[in-house]
């Protein structure tokens, strides 16, 4: 079975030599002080952030949970749909939770969002950008409106950039009430290492550091990540492979776009919807390609496809041709 439902890299990012070097370089008897410093320097350089305002956790999910525990007491707000764990973590600690529904085309009305912020006055707003599950990149002006609305109610805005490296860079909102969260699980292919990154400005960054663990990520994970960031040529080739896979996925699904709606995506997946979308997903599953389908009523006619290994596209494209011919006949 070719899995297209996980939004992770279809190939490994590290060579055997890199893995061996990282493990041999790990002093298991010591706390990872130097490894953390090295990671922050390498990650900041690669992504053009200041290493002085980067803090780590055991995956971006841990950050999301901590944000809700720390900042969400007066309510958490997000979009519907958005990353399902926003709701799960809010329910775990029983804070008020409110979602703002999308339109029929899965777009959002920011006038409605601003009105709901003013009405509910949440202390935390979580939004994924690029958006999960549609892959849409919100505009700078939309995010500025959202940041301003949250500042007006003395709340925090968390922009979850799990897929941020797949999208063009943009001007992020700034201020002590804005937090950026990122991960190594997507474009860097290190989902199993569980490294999450939070980026915030001075007062908020100090607060994040106070409630975080002193050594939040283990030495082996950090050394493996540092190996990845230490070889720009290899890392660039790895990222180029995923971008090539995304282009192949877009081209393949375009051949069936007269039967379903395909949302332009700035991530490593493509979101489709329409009456025939579940039918296509069922057909592909029979031929060994498992897409992401949903139980929620809002997403019953939606299907999402993640990038796959390049050698798996011939079979995927053939299956799409067979389905098209079946529909046309």
Protein backbone atom coordinates (compact mmCIF):
# COMPACT_ATOMS: atom_id res chain seq x y z
CA UNK A 1 0.00 0.00 0.00
CA UNK A 2 1.31 3.45 -0.97
CA UNK A 3 0.28 5.82 1.82
CA UNK A 4 -0.81 9.31 0.75
CA UNK A 5 -2.45 10.25 4.04
CA UNK A 6 0.38 11.23 6.38
CA UNK A 7 1.92 14.45 4.91
CA UNK A 8 5.43 13.24 5.68
CA UNK A 9 8.43 12.81 3.41
CA UNK A 10 8.34 9.70 1.21
CA UNK A 11 12.11 9.19 1.54
CA UNK A 12 14.73 9.36 4.30
CA UNK A 13 16.61 12.68 4.62
CA UNK A 14 19.88 11.35 6.03
CA UNK A 15 22.52 9.06 4.55
CA UNK A 16 23.92 6.11 6.47
CA UNK A 17 27.15 8.08 6.87
CA UNK A 18 25.36 11.07 8.37
CA UNK A 19 23.48 8.84 10.80
CA UNK A 20 26.68 7.09 11.87
CA UNK A 21 28.49 10.39 12.43
CA UNK A 22 25.64 11.83 14.46
CA UNK A 23 25.36 8.82 16.75
CA UNK A 24 29.13 8.58 17.26
CA UNK A 25 29.26 12.30 18.09
CA UNK A 26 26.66 11.96 20.84
CA UNK A 27 27.87 12.09 24.41
CA UNK A 28 25.07 10.12 26.01
CA UNK A 29 26.40 10.82 29.50
CA UNK A 30 25.94 14.58 29.16
CA UNK A 31 22.98 16.92 28.85
CA UNK A 32 22.55 18.36 25.33
CA UNK A 33 23.66 21.94 26.03
CA UNK A 34 26.03 22.29 23.08
CA UNK A 35 23.75 20.34 20.75
CA UNK A 36 20.91 22.78 21.44
CA UNK A 37 23.14 25.79 20.78
CA UNK A 38 24.38 24.26 17.52
CA UNK A 39 20.87 23.43 16.38
CA UNK A 40 19.54 26.92 17.05
CA UNK A 41 22.44 28.45 15.13
CA UNK A 42 22.08 26.14 12.11
CA UNK A 43 18.29 26.29 12.00
CA UNK A 44 18.22 30.07 12.36
CA UNK A 45 20.78 30.51 9.59
CA UNK A 46 18.86 28.21 7.24
CA UNK A 47 15.52 29.89 7.89
CA UNK A 48 16.63 33.49 8.53
CA UNK A 49 15.44 33.74 12.11
CA UNK A 50 17.33 35.07 15.11
CA UNK A 51 18.77 32.19 17.18
CA UNK A 52 18.18 34.32 20.28
CA UNK A 53 14.39 33.95 19.97
CA UNK A 54 14.12 30.24 19.13
CA UNK A 55 13.01 27.69 21.72
CA UNK A 56 12.63 23.92 21.25
CA UNK A 57 10.17 21.28 22.38
CA UNK A 58 9.48 17.60 21.79
CA UNK A 59 7.61 18.20 18.53
CA UNK A 60 5.40 21.11 17.54
CA UNK A 61 2.47 19.25 19.14
CA UNK A 62 4.06 19.77 22.54
CA UNK A 63 4.26 23.49 21.82
CA UNK A 64 0.60 23.61 20.82
CA UNK A 65 -0.42 21.84 24.00
CA UNK A 66 1.74 24.16 26.10
CA UNK A 67 0.32 27.26 24.42
CA UNK A 68 -3.21 26.12 25.22
CA UNK A 69 -2.28 25.32 28.83
CA UNK A 70 -0.50 28.65 29.31
CA UNK A 71 -2.43 31.14 27.19
CA UNK A 72 -5.80 29.49 26.54
CA UNK A 73 -7.60 29.91 29.86
CA UNK A 74 -10.07 32.47 28.46
CA UNK A 75 -10.79 30.41 25.37
CA UNK A 76 -9.19 29.03 22.23
CA UNK A 77 -10.38 29.97 18.76
CA UNK A 78 -9.49 28.49 15.39
CA UNK A 79 -10.94 27.82 11.96
CA UNK A 80 -13.16 25.00 10.79
CA UNK A 81 -11.51 23.06 9.31
CA UNK A 82 -7.99 23.34 10.68
CA UNK A 83 -5.50 21.02 12.39
CA UNK A 84 -7.63 18.68 14.50
CA UNK A 85 -5.21 18.67 17.47
CA UNK A 86 -6.10 22.28 18.28
CA UNK A 87 -9.50 21.00 19.39
CA UNK A 88 -8.15 17.82 20.99
CA UNK A 89 -5.68 19.69 23.21
CA UNK A 90 -8.29 22.30 24.14
CA UNK A 91 -10.71 19.57 25.19
CA UNK A 92 -8.02 17.85 27.24
CA UNK A 93 -7.77 20.85 29.55
CA UNK A 94 -11.44 21.86 29.27
CA UNK A 95 -10.95 25.42 28.02
CA UNK A 96 -13.67 27.13 25.97
CA UNK A 97 -13.20 26.28 22.28
CA UNK A 98 -14.77 28.03 19.28
CA UNK A 99 -14.37 27.43 15.54
CA UNK A 100 -15.21 29.75 12.66
CA UNK A 101 -16.77 27.89 9.76
CA UNK A 102 -15.50 28.13 6.21
CA UNK A 103 -17.59 28.86 3.15
CA UNK A 104 -18.65 26.14 0.72
CA UNK A 105 -15.39 26.63 -1.20
CA UNK A 106 -13.32 26.16 2.00
CA UNK A 107 -12.31 29.83 2.05
CA UNK A 108 -12.78 32.06 5.10
CA UNK A 109 -14.40 35.45 5.59
CA UNK A 110 -12.07 37.55 7.74
CA UNK A 111 -14.87 39.98 8.56
CA UNK A 112 -16.61 37.04 10.27
CA UNK A 113 -13.37 36.09 12.02
CA UNK A 114 -12.87 39.60 13.40
CA UNK A 115 -16.48 39.75 14.61
CA UNK A 116 -16.15 36.42 16.42
CA UNK A 117 -12.89 37.51 18.08
CA UNK A 118 -14.61 40.65 19.35
CA UNK A 119 -17.64 38.66 20.52
CA UNK A 120 -15.86 35.72 22.22
CA UNK A 121 -12.62 37.51 23.23
CA UNK A 122 -10.44 34.37 23.16
CA UNK A 123 -7.04 34.50 24.80
CA UNK A 124 -5.53 32.29 22.08
CA UNK A 125 -6.08 31.97 18.32
CA UNK A 126 -4.44 29.07 16.45
CA UNK A 127 -4.15 29.07 12.66
CA UNK A 128 -2.11 26.90 10.31
CA UNK A 129 -0.37 28.66 7.42
CA UNK A 130 -0.21 27.07 4.89
CA UNK A 131 -3.63 25.91 5.93
CA UNK A 132 -4.20 22.31 6.95
CA UNK A 133 -6.10 20.64 5.29
CA UNK A 134 -6.51 22.81 2.18
CA UNK A 135 -2.90 23.89 1.58
CA UNK A 136 -3.95 27.50 1.06
CA UNK A 137 -1.48 30.23 2.03
CA UNK A 138 -3.21 33.07 3.86
CA UNK A 139 -2.26 36.55 2.70
CA UNK A 140 -0.12 38.94 4.71
CA UNK A 141 -3.06 41.33 5.06
CA UNK A 142 -5.33 38.56 6.38
CA UNK A 143 -2.80 37.59 9.02
CA UNK A 144 -2.22 41.23 9.97
CA UNK A 145 -5.98 41.64 10.48
CA UNK A 146 -6.01 38.54 12.64
CA UNK A 147 -3.02 39.70 14.70
CA UNK A 148 -4.55 43.14 15.22
CA UNK A 149 -7.88 41.63 16.28
CA UNK A 150 -6.17 39.42 18.85
CA UNK A 151 -4.06 42.29 20.17
CA UNK A 152 -7.28 44.28 20.67
CA UNK A 153 -8.59 41.60 23.06
CA UNK A 154 -5.21 41.11 24.79
CA UNK A 155 -4.82 37.65 23.25
CA UNK A 156 -2.10 35.68 21.51
CA UNK A 157 -1.97 34.60 17.88
CA UNK A 158 -0.12 31.36 17.08
CA UNK A 159 0.76 30.84 13.42
CA UNK A 160 1.44 27.15 12.89
CA UNK A 161 3.91 26.90 9.98
CA UNK A 162 4.25 23.13 9.87
CA UNK A 163 4.32 23.37 6.06
CA UNK A 164 5.87 26.82 5.91
CA UNK A 165 8.99 25.81 4.00
CA UNK A 166 6.90 24.56 1.07
CA UNK A 167 5.47 28.06 0.59
CA UNK A 168 7.03 31.36 -0.48
CA UNK A 169 8.34 33.42 2.41
CA UNK A 170 6.07 36.22 3.58
CA UNK A 171 6.00 39.15 5.97
CA UNK A 172 4.77 37.77 9.29
CA UNK A 173 2.87 39.85 11.82
CA UNK A 174 5.13 41.01 14.64
CA UNK A 175 4.66 41.89 18.27
CA UNK A 176 4.72 40.26 21.68
CA UNK A 177 1.30 38.71 21.05
CA UNK A 178 2.47 36.70 17.96
CA UNK A 179 4.12 33.27 18.19
CA UNK A 180 5.38 31.19 15.26
CA UNK A 181 5.58 27.42 15.62
CA UNK A 182 7.46 25.15 13.22
CA UNK A 183 8.54 21.55 12.90
CA UNK A 184 11.16 19.32 11.30
CA UNK A 185 8.49 16.72 10.48
CA UNK A 186 7.52 17.91 7.01
CA UNK A 187 9.99 19.35 4.51
CA UNK A 188 12.98 18.18 6.57
CA UNK A 189 11.66 14.61 6.79
CA UNK A 190 12.47 14.14 10.50
CA UNK A 191 9.00 13.40 11.89
CA UNK A 192 10.33 10.60 14.09
CA UNK A 193 12.84 12.84 15.87
CA UNK A 194 10.12 15.06 17.37
CA UNK A 195 11.70 18.51 17.18
CA UNK A 196 9.36 21.49 17.39
CA UNK A 197 10.41 25.12 17.18
CA UNK A 198 8.73 28.18 18.70
CA UNK A 199 9.73 31.70 17.68
CA UNK A 200 8.59 34.71 19.67
CA UNK A 201 9.67 38.22 20.63
CA UNK A 202 11.24 39.31 23.87
CA UNK A 203 8.64 39.20 26.66
CA UNK A 204 6.75 36.27 25.15
CA UNK A 205 9.97 34.40 24.38
CA UNK A 206 11.02 34.76 28.03
CA UNK A 207 7.67 33.35 29.07
CA UNK A 208 8.03 30.38 26.69
CA UNK A 209 11.47 29.67 28.11
CA UNK A 210 10.21 29.80 31.70
CA UNK A 211 7.54 27.15 31.21
CA UNK A 212 9.63 24.91 28.94
CA UNK A 213 11.85 22.03 30.06
CA UNK A 214 15.58 22.83 30.50
CA UNK A 215 16.56 20.12 27.97
CA UNK A 216 13.43 19.56 25.88
CA UNK A 217 14.99 17.50 23.04
CA UNK A 218 17.40 14.59 23.35
CA UNK A 219 21.01 14.66 22.15
CA UNK A 220 20.63 12.03 19.41
CA UNK A 221 17.71 13.84 17.76
CA UNK A 222 19.61 17.12 17.86
CA UNK A 223 22.80 15.65 16.43
CA UNK A 224 20.88 13.96 13.62
CA UNK A 225 19.15 17.26 12.81
CA UNK A 226 22.46 19.10 12.99
CA UNK A 227 23.94 16.65 10.48
CA UNK A 228 21.09 17.45 8.11
CA UNK A 229 21.60 21.20 8.43
CA UNK A 230 25.38 20.92 8.12
CA UNK A 231 25.31 19.72 4.50
CA UNK A 232 23.50 22.31 2.40
CA UNK A 233 24.01 20.48 -0.89
CA UNK A 234 22.50 17.23 0.38
CA UNK A 235 19.64 19.05 2.10
CA UNK A 236 18.88 21.09 -1.01
CA UNK A 237 18.77 17.90 -3.09
CA UNK A 238 16.43 16.31 -0.56
CA UNK A 239 14.08 19.30 -0.63
CA UNK A 240 14.21 19.40 -4.44
CA UNK A 241 13.08 15.76 -4.51
CA UNK A 242 9.98 16.61 -2.50
CA UNK A 243 9.24 19.63 -4.68
CA UNK A 244 9.54 17.43 -7.76
CA UNK A 245 7.13 14.97 -6.17
CA UNK A 246 4.68 17.79 -5.48
CA UNK A 247 4.84 18.89 -9.13
CA UNK A 248 4.21 15.32 -10.25
CA UNK A 249 1.23 15.06 -7.89
CA UNK A 250 -0.25 18.32 -9.20
CA UNK A 251 0.14 17.18 -12.81
CA UNK A 252 -1.41 13.79 -12.08
CA UNK A 253 -4.49 15.18 -10.32
CA UNK A 254 -4.97 17.83 -12.98
CA UNK A 255 -5.98 15.04 -15.37
CA UNK A 256 -9.16 14.49 -13.33
CA UNK A 257 -9.99 18.11 -12.50
CA UNK A 258 -13.17 18.13 -14.58
CA UNK A 259 -14.77 15.77 -12.05
CA UNK A 260 -13.61 17.32 -8.78
CA UNK A 261 -12.29 20.61 -7.41
CA UNK A 262 -8.56 20.77 -6.75
CA UNK A 263 -7.39 23.50 -4.37
CA UNK A 264 -4.03 25.14 -5.26
CA UNK A 265 -1.65 24.10 -2.51
CA UNK A 266 1.49 25.57 -0.92
CA UNK A 267 2.24 22.42 1.06
CA UNK A 268 3.26 18.80 0.48
CA UNK A 269 -0.31 17.67 -0.15
CA UNK A 270 -3.24 18.54 -2.39
CA UNK A 271 -6.81 18.93 -1.17
CA UNK A 272 -9.71 17.92 -3.42
CA UNK A 273 -13.46 17.96 -2.95
CA UNK A 274 -16.71 17.28 -4.77
CA UNK A 275 -19.29 14.53 -5.19
CA UNK A 276 -16.87 12.28 -7.06
CA UNK A 277 -13.86 12.88 -4.78
CA UNK A 278 -14.67 9.98 -2.36
CA UNK A 279 -15.44 7.75 -5.35
CA UNK A 280 -11.98 8.38 -6.79
CA UNK A 281 -10.36 7.78 -3.40
CA UNK A 282 -12.14 4.41 -3.10
CA UNK A 283 -11.01 3.45 -6.63
CA UNK A 284 -7.40 4.36 -5.84
CA UNK A 285 -7.49 2.46 -2.56
CA UNK A 286 -8.40 -0.71 -4.44
CA UNK A 287 -5.28 -0.16 -6.55
CA UNK A 288 -2.99 0.35 -3.59
CA UNK A 289 -3.02 4.15 -3.04
CA UNK A 290 -4.44 5.31 0.31
CA UNK A 291 -5.52 8.95 0.41
CA UNK A 292 -6.72 10.89 3.46
CA UNK A 293 -10.50 10.88 3.97
CA UNK A 294 -12.48 12.38 6.82
CA UNK A 295 -15.29 11.48 9.20
CA UNK A 296 -16.38 15.07 9.85
CA UNK A 297 -19.58 16.10 8.06
CA UNK A 298 -17.93 19.25 6.70
CA UNK A 299 -15.26 17.14 4.97
CA UNK A 300 -17.32 14.14 3.84
CA UNK A 301 -16.74 15.00 0.16
CA UNK A 302 -13.10 16.02 0.64
CA UNK A 303 -9.99 13.94 -0.01
CA UNK A 304 -6.34 14.92 0.54
CA UNK A 305 -3.31 13.44 -1.23
CA UNK A 306 0.25 13.65 0.11
CA UNK A 307 3.40 13.47 -1.98
CA UNK A 308 4.86 10.01 -2.62
CA UNK A 309 8.12 8.51 -3.87
CA UNK A 310 8.76 9.35 -7.51
CA UNK A 311 8.83 5.71 -8.54
CA UNK A 312 5.25 5.29 -7.27
CA UNK A 313 3.73 7.84 -9.65
CA UNK A 314 3.56 5.59 -12.72
CA UNK A 315 1.04 3.35 -10.98
CA UNK A 316 -0.84 6.31 -9.53
CA UNK A 317 -1.13 7.99 -12.93
CA UNK A 318 -2.27 4.73 -14.52
CA UNK A 319 -4.97 4.33 -11.87
CA UNK A 320 -6.19 7.89 -12.55
CA UNK A 321 -6.37 7.12 -16.28
CA UNK A 322 -8.37 3.97 -15.60
CA UNK A 323 -10.84 5.86 -13.42
CA UNK A 324 -11.21 8.61 -16.02
CA UNK A 325 -11.90 6.06 -18.76
CA UNK A 326 -14.44 4.33 -16.54
CA UNK A 327 -16.25 7.62 -15.89
CA UNK A 328 -16.20 8.59 -19.57
CA UNK A 329 -17.48 5.26 -20.84
